Protein backbone atom coordinates (compact mmCIF):
# COMPACT_ATOMS: atom_id res chain seq x y z
CA MET A 1 130.02 -209.53 -1.52
CA GLU A 2 130.83 -208.41 2.02
CA SER A 3 127.57 -206.51 2.44
CA ILE A 4 125.47 -209.70 2.27
CA LEU A 5 127.48 -211.65 4.83
CA ASP A 6 125.91 -212.24 8.24
CA THR A 7 127.84 -212.72 11.47
CA HIS A 8 127.87 -216.53 11.17
CA GLN A 9 129.28 -216.33 7.65
CA LYS A 10 131.96 -213.80 8.62
CA ALA A 11 133.17 -215.96 11.52
CA LEU A 12 133.20 -219.05 9.34
CA ILE A 13 135.14 -217.35 6.54
CA LEU A 14 137.76 -216.20 9.03
CA ASN A 15 138.01 -219.68 10.60
CA ARG A 16 138.61 -221.23 7.20
CA ASP A 17 141.29 -218.71 6.25
CA GLU A 18 144.59 -220.28 7.30
CA GLY A 19 146.37 -217.00 6.62
CA LYS A 20 144.59 -215.10 9.45
CA TYR A 21 145.65 -215.97 12.99
CA GLY A 22 145.49 -214.27 16.36
CA THR A 23 144.01 -213.92 19.83
CA ILE A 24 140.81 -212.64 21.39
CA ALA A 25 140.81 -211.14 24.90
CA GLU A 26 137.56 -209.92 26.46
CA ILE A 27 136.83 -208.31 29.81
CA GLY A 28 133.45 -207.63 31.34
CA ALA A 29 130.81 -208.95 28.97
CA GLY A 30 131.83 -212.59 28.60
CA GLN A 31 133.42 -214.37 25.69
CA GLU A 32 130.82 -213.05 23.27
CA THR A 33 133.10 -212.40 20.31
CA ALA A 34 135.11 -215.58 20.79
CA ARG A 35 131.86 -217.54 21.16
CA TRP A 36 130.95 -216.81 17.54
CA PHE A 37 134.17 -218.33 16.25
CA PHE A 38 133.82 -221.43 18.42
CA GLN A 39 130.16 -222.07 17.66
CA VAL A 40 130.50 -221.89 13.85
CA GLY A 41 133.28 -224.50 13.92
CA GLY A 42 136.90 -224.58 12.87
CA ALA A 43 138.04 -221.96 15.37
CA ALA A 44 141.47 -223.57 15.63
CA GLY A 45 142.17 -222.22 12.17
CA THR A 46 141.92 -218.62 13.39
CA ILE A 47 142.20 -218.40 17.17
CA ALA A 48 145.47 -219.09 18.91
CA LYS A 49 144.06 -218.10 22.29
CA ALA A 50 140.83 -216.78 23.78
CA MET A 51 140.91 -215.44 27.32
CA SER A 52 139.18 -213.26 29.88
CA ALA A 53 140.28 -211.86 33.23
CA TYR A 54 137.33 -210.69 35.32
CA ASP A 55 139.07 -210.32 38.65
CA MET A 56 140.89 -206.99 38.96
CA THR A 57 143.97 -208.54 40.54
CA PHE A 58 144.30 -211.08 37.74
CA SER A 59 143.68 -208.39 35.14
CA ASP A 60 146.29 -206.09 36.66
CA SER A 61 148.84 -208.90 36.85
CA ILE A 62 148.49 -209.44 33.11
CA TYR A 63 148.04 -205.92 31.75
CA GLY A 64 149.25 -203.67 34.56
CA ALA A 65 147.29 -201.46 36.93
CA CYS A 66 144.92 -198.77 35.66
CA GLN A 67 142.43 -196.32 37.15
CA ARG A 68 139.44 -197.46 35.07
CA TYR A 69 138.92 -200.92 33.67
CA VAL A 70 136.48 -199.88 30.97
CA SER A 71 138.76 -197.34 29.36
CA ARG A 72 140.93 -196.70 26.36
CA GLU A 73 143.96 -197.03 28.61
CA ARG A 74 142.99 -200.62 29.46
CA LEU A 75 142.18 -201.42 25.82
CA GLN A 76 145.59 -200.17 24.68
CA ALA A 77 147.36 -202.24 27.34
CA MET A 78 145.44 -205.35 26.31
CA LEU A 79 146.22 -204.89 22.62
CA ARG A 80 149.91 -204.24 23.23
CA HIS A 81 150.28 -207.27 25.48
CA GLU A 82 148.31 -209.75 23.41
CA TYR A 83 149.77 -208.71 20.06
CA GLN A 84 153.31 -208.90 21.39
CA LEU A 85 152.67 -212.43 22.64
CA VAL A 86 151.43 -213.52 19.22
CA ILE A 87 154.56 -212.15 17.54
CA GLU A 88 156.92 -213.62 20.14
CA ARG A 89 155.37 -217.09 20.22
CA LEU A 90 154.34 -217.59 16.60
CA GLY A 91 156.52 -215.24 14.59
CA GLU A 92 159.14 -217.81 13.64
CA THR A 93 156.79 -220.67 12.82
CA ARG A 94 153.87 -218.84 11.18
CA GLY A 95 155.19 -215.33 10.51
CA PRO A 96 156.02 -215.75 6.81
CA THR A 97 152.55 -217.07 5.91
CA SER A 98 150.17 -215.61 8.52
CA THR A 99 148.54 -212.23 9.02
CA PHE A 100 148.57 -211.84 12.82
CA PHE A 101 146.02 -209.96 14.90
CA ALA A 102 145.01 -209.32 18.49
CA PHE A 103 141.44 -208.33 19.29
CA ALA A 104 140.39 -207.00 22.70
CA ASN A 105 137.42 -205.45 24.41
CA THR A 106 136.56 -204.18 27.87
CA VAL A 107 132.85 -203.65 28.51
CA ALA A 108 130.33 -202.64 31.13
CA THR A 109 126.87 -203.85 30.16
CA TYR A 110 123.52 -202.43 31.31
CA SER A 111 123.29 -202.14 35.11
CA PHE A 112 119.83 -202.99 36.38
CA THR A 113 120.60 -201.87 39.94
CA ARG A 114 121.89 -198.43 38.86
CA GLN A 115 119.59 -198.17 35.84
CA GLN A 116 122.69 -197.21 33.87
CA ALA A 117 123.36 -197.85 30.21
CA GLY A 118 126.44 -199.84 29.23
CA HIS A 119 129.46 -198.81 27.21
CA GLY A 120 132.70 -200.35 26.08
CA TRP A 121 136.02 -200.08 24.28
CA LEU A 122 137.04 -202.55 21.62
CA GLY A 123 139.89 -202.65 19.21
CA ILE A 124 142.15 -204.71 17.02
CA ARG A 125 145.88 -204.56 16.31
CA PHE A 126 146.66 -206.37 13.06
CA GLN A 127 148.91 -206.85 10.09
CA ALA A 128 147.63 -206.03 6.63
CA GLN A 129 150.02 -208.62 5.16
CA PRO A 130 152.37 -211.19 6.69
CA GLY A 131 155.36 -209.50 8.27
CA ALA A 132 153.90 -205.99 8.01
CA GLU A 133 154.06 -203.42 10.79
CA ALA A 134 150.94 -203.39 12.94
CA SER A 135 147.96 -201.11 12.34
CA GLN A 136 145.19 -200.51 14.83
CA ILE A 137 141.52 -199.60 15.17
CA ASP A 138 140.10 -198.26 18.45
CA VAL A 139 136.33 -198.03 18.90
CA HIS A 140 134.17 -196.69 21.71
CA VAL A 141 130.55 -197.80 21.86
CA CYS A 142 127.58 -196.55 23.88
CA LEU A 143 125.25 -199.48 24.47
CA ARG A 144 121.47 -199.07 24.46
CA GLY A 145 120.29 -202.54 25.38
CA LYS A 146 117.49 -203.02 27.90
CA ASP A 147 119.43 -205.67 29.77
CA ALA A 148 122.92 -207.13 30.06
CA ARG A 149 122.14 -210.09 27.78
CA GLN A 150 121.17 -207.81 24.92
CA ASP A 151 124.34 -205.76 25.34
CA GLN A 152 126.43 -208.95 25.34
CA ASP A 153 124.85 -210.09 22.09
CA THR A 154 125.52 -206.69 20.58
CA MET A 155 129.18 -206.77 21.60
CA GLY A 156 129.64 -210.23 20.15
CA ILE A 157 128.31 -209.21 16.73
CA LEU A 158 130.21 -205.94 16.79
CA GLY A 159 133.43 -207.77 17.66
CA VAL A 160 133.10 -210.14 14.70
CA ASN A 161 132.28 -207.20 12.42
CA LEU A 162 135.39 -205.36 13.59
CA ILE A 163 137.74 -208.32 13.14
CA PHE A 164 136.34 -209.14 9.70
CA GLY A 165 136.36 -205.48 8.63
CA ALA A 166 139.94 -204.91 9.77
CA LEU A 167 141.29 -207.98 7.99
CA HIS A 168 139.22 -207.71 4.81
CA LEU A 169 138.26 -204.04 4.39
CA TYR A 170 141.24 -202.10 5.72
CA ASP A 171 141.87 -200.69 2.24
CA ASN A 172 138.34 -199.24 2.10
CA PRO A 173 137.84 -197.39 5.41
CA GLU A 174 134.37 -196.10 4.56
CA ALA A 175 133.11 -199.63 3.82
CA LEU A 176 134.85 -200.81 7.00
CA ILE A 177 133.04 -198.37 9.30
CA LYS A 178 129.68 -199.03 7.63
CA SER A 179 130.21 -202.78 8.08
CA LEU A 180 130.40 -202.37 11.87
CA PHE A 181 126.62 -201.93 11.96
CA HIS A 182 125.83 -205.09 10.00
CA GLU A 183 123.02 -206.97 11.83
CA LEU A 184 122.92 -204.15 14.39
CA SER A 185 120.99 -200.88 14.68
CA SER A 186 121.00 -197.52 16.45
CA ASP A 187 118.45 -198.97 18.87
CA LEU A 188 121.19 -201.24 20.22
CA LEU A 189 124.28 -199.03 20.15
CA GLU A 190 125.96 -195.82 19.11
CA ILE A 191 129.61 -195.62 18.10
CA ASP A 192 131.03 -192.25 19.11
CA LEU A 193 134.71 -192.81 18.34
CA ILE A 194 136.65 -194.68 15.69
CA ASP A 195 140.40 -194.10 15.44
CA LEU A 196 142.37 -195.68 12.59
CA SER A 197 146.15 -195.69 12.83
CA GLY A 198 149.17 -197.43 11.35
CA PRO A 199 150.52 -198.15 7.86
CA ALA A 200 147.31 -199.81 6.64
CA PHE A 201 145.57 -196.45 7.06
CA GLU A 202 148.30 -194.18 5.75
CA GLY A 203 146.66 -191.07 4.32
CA VAL A 204 143.35 -191.68 6.10
CA ASP A 205 141.97 -188.50 7.69
CA ASN A 206 140.22 -189.41 10.94
CA ARG A 207 138.24 -186.17 10.73
CA LEU A 208 136.66 -187.47 7.53
CA ILE A 209 136.01 -190.80 9.24
CA ALA A 210 134.24 -188.84 12.00
CA LEU A 211 132.03 -187.20 9.39
CA ARG A 212 131.21 -190.53 7.78
CA MET A 213 130.27 -192.01 11.17
CA VAL A 214 127.62 -189.34 11.62
CA GLN A 215 126.55 -189.49 7.99
CA HIS A 216 125.94 -193.24 8.13
CA GLY A 217 124.06 -193.11 11.42
CA LEU A 218 126.70 -194.78 13.59
CA SER A 219 126.81 -191.73 15.84
CA SER A 220 124.85 -188.58 16.65
CA ALA A 221 128.04 -186.54 16.77
CA ALA A 222 131.80 -186.80 16.57
CA MET A 223 134.53 -184.57 17.99
CA PHE A 224 138.18 -183.91 17.26
CA GLN A 225 140.86 -181.54 18.48
CA SER A 226 142.85 -178.95 16.56
CA ASP A 227 145.56 -181.50 15.73
CA GLY A 228 142.96 -183.77 14.14
CA THR A 229 142.92 -186.23 17.04
CA VAL A 230 139.52 -187.86 17.43
CA VAL A 231 138.20 -187.62 20.99
CA GLN A 232 135.44 -189.43 22.81
CA PRO A 233 132.62 -186.93 23.52
CA ALA A 234 131.90 -188.45 26.93
CA ASP A 235 135.49 -187.80 28.03
CA ALA A 236 135.79 -184.38 26.40
CA LEU A 237 132.50 -183.09 27.86
CA TYR A 238 132.56 -184.79 31.26
CA LYS A 239 131.89 -182.20 34.00
CA LYS A 240 132.62 -179.41 31.54
CA ALA A 241 130.67 -176.23 30.97
CA VAL A 242 130.17 -176.05 27.21
CA LEU A 243 130.02 -173.07 24.88
CA VAL A 244 129.13 -173.99 21.32
CA GLU A 245 128.85 -171.90 18.18
CA ARG A 246 126.88 -173.45 15.34
CA SER A 247 127.64 -172.15 11.89
CA ARG A 248 128.50 -173.26 8.39
CA PHE A 249 131.99 -171.70 8.79
CA ARG A 250 132.25 -171.48 5.02
CA PRO A 251 134.63 -169.83 5.74
CA PRO A 252 134.84 -168.46 9.32
CA THR A 253 134.37 -164.67 9.16
CA HIS A 254 135.10 -161.71 11.41
CA LEU A 255 131.48 -161.94 12.56
CA ASN A 256 131.83 -165.64 13.51
CA MET A 257 134.89 -164.96 15.61
CA ASN A 258 133.50 -161.74 17.14
CA LEU A 259 130.33 -163.55 18.23
CA LEU A 260 132.31 -166.37 19.78
CA ASP A 261 134.80 -164.08 21.54
CA SER A 262 131.99 -161.95 22.95
CA ALA A 263 130.06 -165.01 24.15
CA CYS A 264 133.22 -166.46 25.71
CA ALA A 265 133.79 -163.28 27.71
CA ALA A 266 130.18 -163.33 28.96
CA PHE A 267 130.17 -167.07 29.66
CA TYR A 268 133.40 -166.96 31.67
CA GLN A 269 131.93 -164.25 33.90
CA GLU A 270 128.87 -166.30 34.84
CA PRO A 271 128.92 -167.03 38.59
CA ASP A 272 128.19 -170.72 38.01
CA VAL A 273 130.95 -171.18 35.40
CA ASN A 274 134.56 -172.01 36.22
CA PRO A 275 136.69 -170.75 33.29
CA ASP A 276 139.14 -173.62 33.89
CA ASP A 277 136.37 -176.15 33.23
CA VAL A 278 135.01 -174.76 29.95
CA ILE A 279 135.22 -176.39 26.54
CA VAL A 280 134.49 -174.24 23.49
CA LEU A 281 133.19 -176.02 20.38
CA SER A 282 132.76 -174.98 16.77
CA GLU A 283 129.88 -177.15 15.62
CA MET A 284 128.68 -178.00 12.14
CA THR A 285 125.56 -180.02 11.59
CA LEU A 286 125.11 -182.33 8.61
CA HIS A 287 121.89 -180.45 7.95
CA ASN A 288 124.11 -177.54 6.92
CA LEU A 289 126.60 -179.68 5.02
CA VAL A 290 124.24 -181.56 2.76
CA ASP A 291 123.88 -180.40 -0.83
CA GLY A 292 120.89 -182.36 -2.00
CA GLU A 293 121.67 -185.83 -0.74
CA GLU A 294 125.42 -185.61 -1.22
CA ILE A 295 128.05 -184.47 1.28
CA ASP A 296 131.00 -182.60 -0.20
CA ALA A 297 133.77 -184.18 1.83
CA GLU A 298 136.48 -181.90 0.44
CA ASP A 299 134.46 -178.81 1.34
CA TYR A 300 133.89 -180.16 4.86
CA LEU A 301 137.58 -180.89 5.36
CA GLN A 302 138.55 -177.41 4.21
CA ARG A 303 136.29 -175.81 6.81
CA ALA A 304 137.49 -178.19 9.49
CA GLU A 305 141.11 -177.51 8.58
CA ILE A 306 140.64 -173.77 9.06
CA LEU A 307 138.91 -174.23 12.42
CA CYS A 308 141.61 -176.60 13.60
CA ALA A 309 144.31 -174.16 12.55
CA LEU A 310 142.55 -171.54 14.67
CA GLY A 311 142.92 -173.89 17.63
CA LYS A 312 139.25 -174.84 17.79
CA HIS A 313 137.68 -178.08 18.97
CA VAL A 314 135.35 -179.21 16.18
CA MET A 315 132.09 -181.07 16.56
CA ILE A 316 130.13 -182.55 13.66
CA SER A 317 126.56 -183.63 14.42
CA ASP A 318 123.25 -184.69 12.96
CA CYS A 319 121.39 -182.58 15.55
CA GLY A 320 119.44 -180.36 13.18
CA ALA A 321 117.19 -178.75 15.79
CA PHE A 322 118.72 -176.88 18.70
CA TYR A 323 116.81 -178.96 21.23
CA ARG A 324 118.50 -182.08 19.86
CA LEU A 325 121.91 -180.42 20.20
CA ALA A 326 121.06 -179.52 23.81
CA GLU A 327 119.91 -183.07 24.58
CA TYR A 328 123.13 -184.47 23.16
CA LEU A 329 125.38 -182.18 25.21
CA PHE A 330 123.44 -182.76 28.43
CA ARG A 331 123.87 -186.48 27.93
CA TYR A 332 127.47 -185.98 29.04
CA THR A 333 127.44 -182.96 31.37
CA ARG A 334 125.20 -181.22 33.88
CA GLN A 335 127.27 -178.04 33.85
CA PRO A 336 125.94 -174.90 32.11
CA VAL A 337 125.72 -174.95 28.32
CA GLY A 338 125.79 -171.82 26.19
CA VAL A 339 124.83 -171.63 22.53
CA VAL A 340 126.11 -168.73 20.42
CA LEU A 341 123.89 -167.40 17.62
CA GLY A 342 122.61 -164.27 15.93
CA VAL A 343 119.07 -162.92 16.03
CA PRO A 344 118.24 -164.25 12.52
CA THR A 345 118.90 -167.77 13.83
CA LEU A 346 116.96 -166.99 17.01
CA ARG A 347 114.01 -166.05 14.83
CA GLN A 348 114.24 -169.48 13.21
CA VAL A 349 114.26 -171.12 16.66
CA PHE A 350 110.78 -169.64 17.12
CA ASP A 351 109.54 -170.87 13.73
CA GLU A 352 107.02 -173.61 14.51
CA LYS A 353 107.49 -175.40 11.18
CA TYR A 354 110.67 -176.98 12.60
CA TYR A 355 108.68 -178.77 15.32
CA GLU A 356 105.80 -180.26 13.35
CA SER A 357 107.13 -183.76 13.98
CA LEU A 358 106.87 -183.28 17.75
CA GLU A 359 103.55 -184.08 19.38
CA GLY A 360 103.99 -181.13 21.73
CA GLY A 361 105.26 -178.77 19.03
CA ILE A 362 107.37 -175.80 20.01
CA LEU A 363 106.54 -176.17 23.71
CA GLU A 364 107.92 -179.71 23.75
CA SER A 365 111.07 -178.62 21.92
CA PHE A 366 111.69 -175.78 24.37
CA GLY A 367 111.02 -178.09 27.28
CA ARG A 368 113.74 -180.41 25.99
CA MET A 369 116.11 -177.56 25.19
CA PHE A 370 115.86 -175.62 28.46
CA ARG A 371 115.18 -178.45 30.90
CA HIS A 372 118.75 -178.18 32.19
CA ASP A 373 121.01 -175.15 32.46
CA LEU A 374 121.10 -173.87 28.88
CA ARG A 375 121.27 -170.26 27.80
CA LEU A 376 121.40 -168.63 24.36
CA TYR A 377 123.96 -165.86 23.76
CA VAL A 378 122.55 -163.77 20.94
CA GLY A 379 124.26 -161.15 18.81
CA PRO A 380 122.44 -158.41 16.85
CA ALA A 381 121.87 -158.10 13.11
CA LEU A 382 121.24 -155.34 10.63
CA GLU A 383 117.63 -155.09 9.50
CA GLY A 384 116.21 -153.79 6.23
CA SER A 385 118.57 -151.41 4.44
CA GLY A 386 121.14 -151.85 7.18
CA ASP A 387 120.32 -148.77 9.23
CA GLU A 388 118.25 -150.48 11.92
CA LEU A 389 119.87 -152.73 14.51
CA MET A 390 117.81 -155.79 15.36
CA THR A 391 118.46 -157.16 18.85
CA VAL A 392 116.83 -159.57 21.28
CA HIS A 393 114.71 -156.63 22.50
CA ASN A 394 113.08 -155.65 19.20
CA LEU A 395 113.04 -159.00 17.40
CA LYS A 396 109.61 -159.56 15.88
CA ILE A 397 108.03 -162.73 17.28
CA PRO A 398 104.61 -164.16 16.26
CA PRO A 399 101.98 -162.67 18.59
CA HIS A 400 100.92 -165.99 20.14
CA LEU A 401 104.56 -166.72 21.11
CA LYS A 402 105.43 -163.31 22.58
CA HIS A 403 104.71 -164.34 26.17
CA LEU A 404 106.88 -167.44 25.77
CA TYR A 405 109.68 -165.31 24.32
CA ARG A 406 109.33 -162.76 27.12
CA HIS A 407 109.55 -165.52 29.71
CA LEU A 408 112.80 -166.82 28.25
CA LEU A 409 114.28 -163.33 27.94
CA ASP A 410 113.27 -162.17 31.43
CA ASN A 411 114.61 -165.32 33.07
CA GLY A 412 118.01 -165.26 31.42
CA TYR A 413 117.57 -168.14 29.00
CA ILE A 414 118.17 -165.62 26.21
CA ARG A 415 121.09 -163.24 26.80
CA GLU A 416 122.14 -160.31 24.67
CA LEU A 417 125.65 -159.80 23.31
CA THR A 418 126.15 -156.04 23.22
CA ASP A 419 129.77 -155.67 22.11
CA ILE A 420 129.54 -157.03 18.57
CA ARG A 421 131.25 -154.72 16.10
CA ARG A 422 128.65 -153.12 13.86
CA GLU A 423 130.88 -153.21 10.77
CA TYR A 424 131.02 -157.00 11.00
CA LEU A 425 127.25 -157.41 10.85
CA SER A 426 127.23 -156.94 7.08
CA ILE A 427 129.67 -159.82 6.54
CA PHE A 428 128.10 -163.07 5.39
CA SER A 429 129.95 -166.31 4.63
CA PRO A 430 128.22 -166.89 1.24
CA THR A 431 129.41 -163.45 0.10
CA VAL A 432 132.96 -164.21 1.20
CA LEU A 433 132.88 -167.57 -0.57
CA GLU A 434 131.61 -166.01 -3.79
CA LYS A 435 134.35 -163.38 -3.72
CA ILE A 436 137.00 -166.06 -3.20
CA ARG A 437 135.75 -168.02 -6.19
CA GLN A 438 135.54 -164.91 -8.37
CA GLY A 439 139.05 -163.83 -7.49
CA ASP A 440 137.77 -160.65 -5.80
CA LYS A 441 140.43 -159.75 -3.19
CA GLY A 442 137.80 -157.96 -1.13
CA TRP A 443 137.16 -161.16 0.79
CA ILE A 444 140.48 -160.83 2.61
CA ASP A 445 139.19 -157.95 4.74
CA MET A 446 136.10 -159.96 5.72
CA VAL A 447 137.89 -162.76 7.57
CA PRO A 448 140.53 -162.88 10.33
CA ASP A 449 144.13 -162.64 9.10
CA ALA A 450 144.83 -166.24 10.16
CA VAL A 451 141.87 -167.48 8.11
CA ALA A 452 142.99 -165.52 5.03
CA ASP A 453 146.52 -166.88 5.36
CA ILE A 454 145.31 -170.48 5.55
CA ILE A 455 142.95 -170.10 2.58
CA ARG A 456 145.64 -168.52 0.39
CA GLU A 457 148.45 -170.82 1.48
CA LYS A 458 146.47 -174.01 0.92
CA ARG A 459 144.31 -172.64 -1.91
CA LEU A 460 141.11 -173.62 -0.16
CA PHE A 461 137.66 -173.02 -1.66
CA HIS A 462 139.33 -172.79 -5.11
CA CYS A 463 141.30 -169.73 -4.05
CA GLU A 464 143.94 -168.77 -6.62
CA GLY A 465 146.31 -167.43 -3.99
């Protein structure tokens, strides 16, 4: 039923539900969410208070001072303050029969003078049932409107979707996050963080939510730390030099870790890289997670769990081509970006079939990929029977692309990793996975000790211990 409801219907259903009651506080983009509830009629049935504080002094006097007004810090302060007021003022009279909520957003819409896209934080603190402890949803949105009015309309619809989803779909988190895009599209916004917390979401894995966000087209990528905490990419990548290893990590092998360690050592020594300002990412793309049209969520979580236990920041993206990955990272930083790969993957980078959808073909893709400060750190591979070492210097490239390849190699866009251990080059994740499933203990020597311990302890990938 919920999937056919438009914004008008959602607002009206909430207004007519005497059991849902709360406040709406909005900063920056006008009373766009509250406006929906007032214009459909019967808002008194749902809204105890609607308010906005545009002036910084007024805002600070209500919520306390903060460094940035469009920030998660400000959102959290707004939700704490407004929810507490609802409980204090209405708890005795309506508490036994009402599900209370406080919705808030703080938004900067499109700036015509700076030609800068808008973004915003919105969230809701709510009870799943009368008298229950509060749960919360935090959302960060990147706006893509062409003007402030379009961004305001987007935020109004998104706000109604969030309130309705929290109060009606909290027990189905996947349906909840999909519902946020009702009557919206990726042309208008991208949601790059959703964080669900509280008793209504007990047992919910925010890493899985991050995967679903990308899967359903809400976001191009999602990031989380080793403790499973979801992070906003813009904050995590801001002014950071980035080193990213793309792999299936199924599971992480000695070769995966050796490549990354070698690339880290080289990256940290670059004269334009400050080691204190580097973020290292283990990245998986949905193009490597999809089996047919289905995503094996359990398999994804097992790989993520291992990477997190190794202390890695994990990124999940829909950036199939490397140029799309580069474009995404350079959206948030202008510091150097390094991509770690082996020569077999480098060979694929030069396969023109991956760029048939681009009008400019491989030249356009490379223009997008290397337009800023990106370099590829490439490890060797064993060729043929395993006696010949294939490196960036003897990799066979189609004749008509050799000059392009030479240009990238000579100018440092492609950099060789020379200290990869030869015995690791014959280790492949699919072989390790097959040995695990067959009960062949030989897989243990093919992965780092920490990886083996995690797999055996938690019986991942159907390991029998």
